[in-house]
Protein backbone atom coordinates (compact mmCIF):
# COMPACT_ATOMS: atom_id res chain seq x y z
CA UNK A 1 0.02 0.12 0.01
CA UNK A 2 2.80 2.41 0.88
CA UNK A 3 4.48 1.83 -2.56
CA UNK A 4 1.25 2.48 -4.27
CA UNK A 5 0.75 5.74 -2.49
CA UNK A 6 4.31 6.74 -3.10
CA UNK A 7 3.84 6.03 -6.88
CA UNK A 8 0.38 7.82 -6.76
CA UNK A 9 2.21 10.99 -5.53
CA UNK A 10 5.70 10.61 -7.35
CA UNK A 11 4.42 9.93 -10.92
CA UNK A 12 2.23 13.03 -11.13
CA UNK A 13 4.85 15.27 -9.49
CA UNK A 14 7.44 14.02 -11.85
CA UNK A 15 5.22 14.62 -14.84
CA UNK A 16 4.42 18.07 -13.53
CA UNK A 17 8.19 18.69 -13.08
CA UNK A 18 8.98 17.70 -16.60
CA UNK A 19 6.22 19.94 -18.09
CA UNK A 20 7.39 22.92 -16.03
CA UNK A 21 10.94 22.34 -17.13
CA UNK A 22 9.87 22.22 -20.71
CA UNK A 23 7.78 25.33 -20.27
CA UNK A 24 10.46 27.42 -18.60
CA UNK A 25 13.49 26.92 -20.53
CA UNK A 26 14.49 30.53 -20.81
CA UNK A 27 17.64 31.71 -18.79
CA UNK A 28 17.58 33.98 -15.78
CA UNK A 29 20.37 35.71 -14.01
CA UNK A 30 20.57 35.34 -10.27
CA UNK A 31 22.57 38.05 -8.54
CA UNK A 32 24.02 37.66 -5.05
CA UNK A 33 25.43 41.22 -4.97
CA UNK A 34 22.82 43.46 -3.16
CA UNK A 35 24.96 46.67 -3.75
CA UNK A 36 25.51 46.62 -7.56
CA UNK A 37 22.48 45.32 -9.42
CA UNK A 38 23.81 46.47 -12.89
CA UNK A 39 27.19 44.80 -12.67
CA UNK A 40 26.95 42.09 -9.95
CA UNK A 41 30.25 40.67 -8.56
CA UNK A 42 28.62 37.23 -7.87
CA UNK A 43 25.92 36.07 -10.25
CA UNK A 44 24.82 32.92 -12.08
CA UNK A 45 22.91 32.56 -15.23
CA UNK A 46 20.79 29.34 -15.52
CA UNK A 47 17.45 28.08 -16.71
CA UNK A 48 14.51 28.93 -14.58
CA UNK A 49 13.40 25.41 -13.85
CA UNK A 50 16.95 24.55 -12.71
CA UNK A 51 16.76 27.53 -10.29
CA UNK A 52 13.41 26.53 -8.84
CA UNK A 53 14.56 22.89 -8.41
CA UNK A 54 17.76 23.90 -6.61
CA UNK A 55 15.81 26.34 -4.32
CA UNK A 56 13.47 23.39 -3.59
CA UNK A 57 16.28 21.17 -2.72
CA UNK A 58 17.83 23.74 -0.46
CA UNK A 59 14.54 24.26 1.28
CA UNK A 60 14.29 20.49 1.89
CA UNK A 61 17.74 20.28 3.27
CA UNK A 62 17.35 23.41 5.50
CA UNK A 63 13.94 22.01 6.73
CA UNK A 64 15.64 18.65 7.50
CA UNK A 65 18.42 20.34 9.47
CA UNK A 66 16.01 22.50 11.51
CA UNK A 67 14.04 19.39 12.33
CA UNK A 68 17.16 17.40 13.31
CA UNK A 69 18.24 20.18 15.47
CA UNK A 70 14.91 20.53 17.15
CA UNK A 71 14.85 16.84 18.10
CA UNK A 72 18.17 17.08 20.10
CA UNK A 73 16.22 16.91 23.31
CA UNK A 74 14.45 13.71 22.33
CA UNK A 75 17.64 12.00 21.07
CA UNK A 76 19.41 12.85 24.35
CA UNK A 77 16.43 11.43 26.32
CA UNK A 78 16.47 8.32 24.22
CA UNK A 79 20.28 7.76 24.79
CA UNK A 80 19.85 8.26 28.52
CA UNK A 81 16.92 5.90 28.75
CA UNK A 82 18.77 3.29 26.68
CA UNK A 83 21.78 3.56 29.09
CA UNK A 84 19.46 3.07 32.03
CA UNK A 85 17.80 0.10 30.54
CA UNK A 86 21.32 -1.44 29.85
CA UNK A 87 22.33 -0.91 33.44
CA UNK A 88 18.99 -2.29 34.73
CA UNK A 89 19.31 -5.35 32.62
CA UNK A 90 22.89 -5.94 33.92
CA UNK A 91 21.61 -5.46 37.47
CA UNK A 92 18.88 -7.90 36.85
CA UNK A 93 21.30 -10.51 35.40
CA UNK A 94 23.53 -10.02 38.50
CA UNK A 95 20.53 -10.47 40.87
CA UNK A 96 19.35 -13.54 39.12
CA UNK A 97 22.74 -15.07 39.09
CA UNK A 98 23.11 -14.50 42.96
CA UNK A 99 19.48 -15.82 43.66
CA UNK A 100 20.40 -18.94 41.61
CA UNK A 101 23.61 -19.24 43.70
CA UNK A 102 21.87 -18.87 46.97
CA UNK A 103 19.22 -21.54 45.87
CA UNK A 104 21.88 -23.92 44.97
CA UNK A 105 23.54 -23.31 48.49
CA UNK A 106 20.30 -23.93 50.16
CA UNK A 107 19.78 -27.25 48.50
CA UNK A 108 23.14 -28.43 49.92
CA UNK A 109 22.78 -26.95 53.53
CA UNK A 110 19.16 -26.41 54.22
CA UNK A 111 18.37 -24.10 57.32
CA UNK A 112 14.71 -24.57 57.61
CA UNK A 113 12.70 -24.45 60.74
CA UNK A 114 11.09 -27.88 61.61
CA UNK A 115 7.20 -28.06 61.05
CA UNK A 116 5.50 -29.42 63.97
CA UNK A 117 3.50 -32.54 63.09
CA UNK A 118 -0.28 -32.45 63.44
CA UNK A 119 -0.40 -28.69 63.38
CA UNK A 120 -1.79 -26.79 60.40
CA UNK A 121 -2.27 -23.11 59.72
CA UNK A 122 -5.01 -22.76 62.42
CA UNK A 123 -3.73 -25.27 64.89
CA UNK A 124 -4.52 -29.00 64.68
CA UNK A 125 -4.98 -30.34 61.10
CA UNK A 126 -8.61 -30.35 60.00
CA UNK A 127 -9.77 -27.92 62.65
CA UNK A 128 -10.29 -24.08 62.72
CA UNK A 129 -9.70 -21.83 65.88
CA UNK A 130 -13.02 -22.84 67.58
CA UNK A 131 -11.92 -26.59 67.02
CA UNK A 132 -14.64 -27.14 64.44
CA UNK A 133 -13.83 -29.87 61.83
CA UNK A 134 -13.11 -28.35 58.43
């Protein structure tokens, strides 16, 4: 679907660009000297369509740079969160390893308290606090 939408936009836009280029083949002089308009020190003569395409490309690049600079805060937060996640994963792995080691030690040397026989959670097995049979 995405390729279809891209083609739906790119093909007419390309055709429009070709038609515009054919219709605007005359040359224009672009001057970058604001002080001397009759004999500019820095000027370029190029077809009008080329000038407009260059200006559009520069606009896209400038917009991309502005967006990239504006997202600095989010990139920094993402790096910080990624570092915190990595340290949390390492800490979790250490805790799991120590828990597994302690379980292994308990199996070899159990230190459990003895459970009195015949006594359940509420006293004698099968009876509650009032000594009623459960």
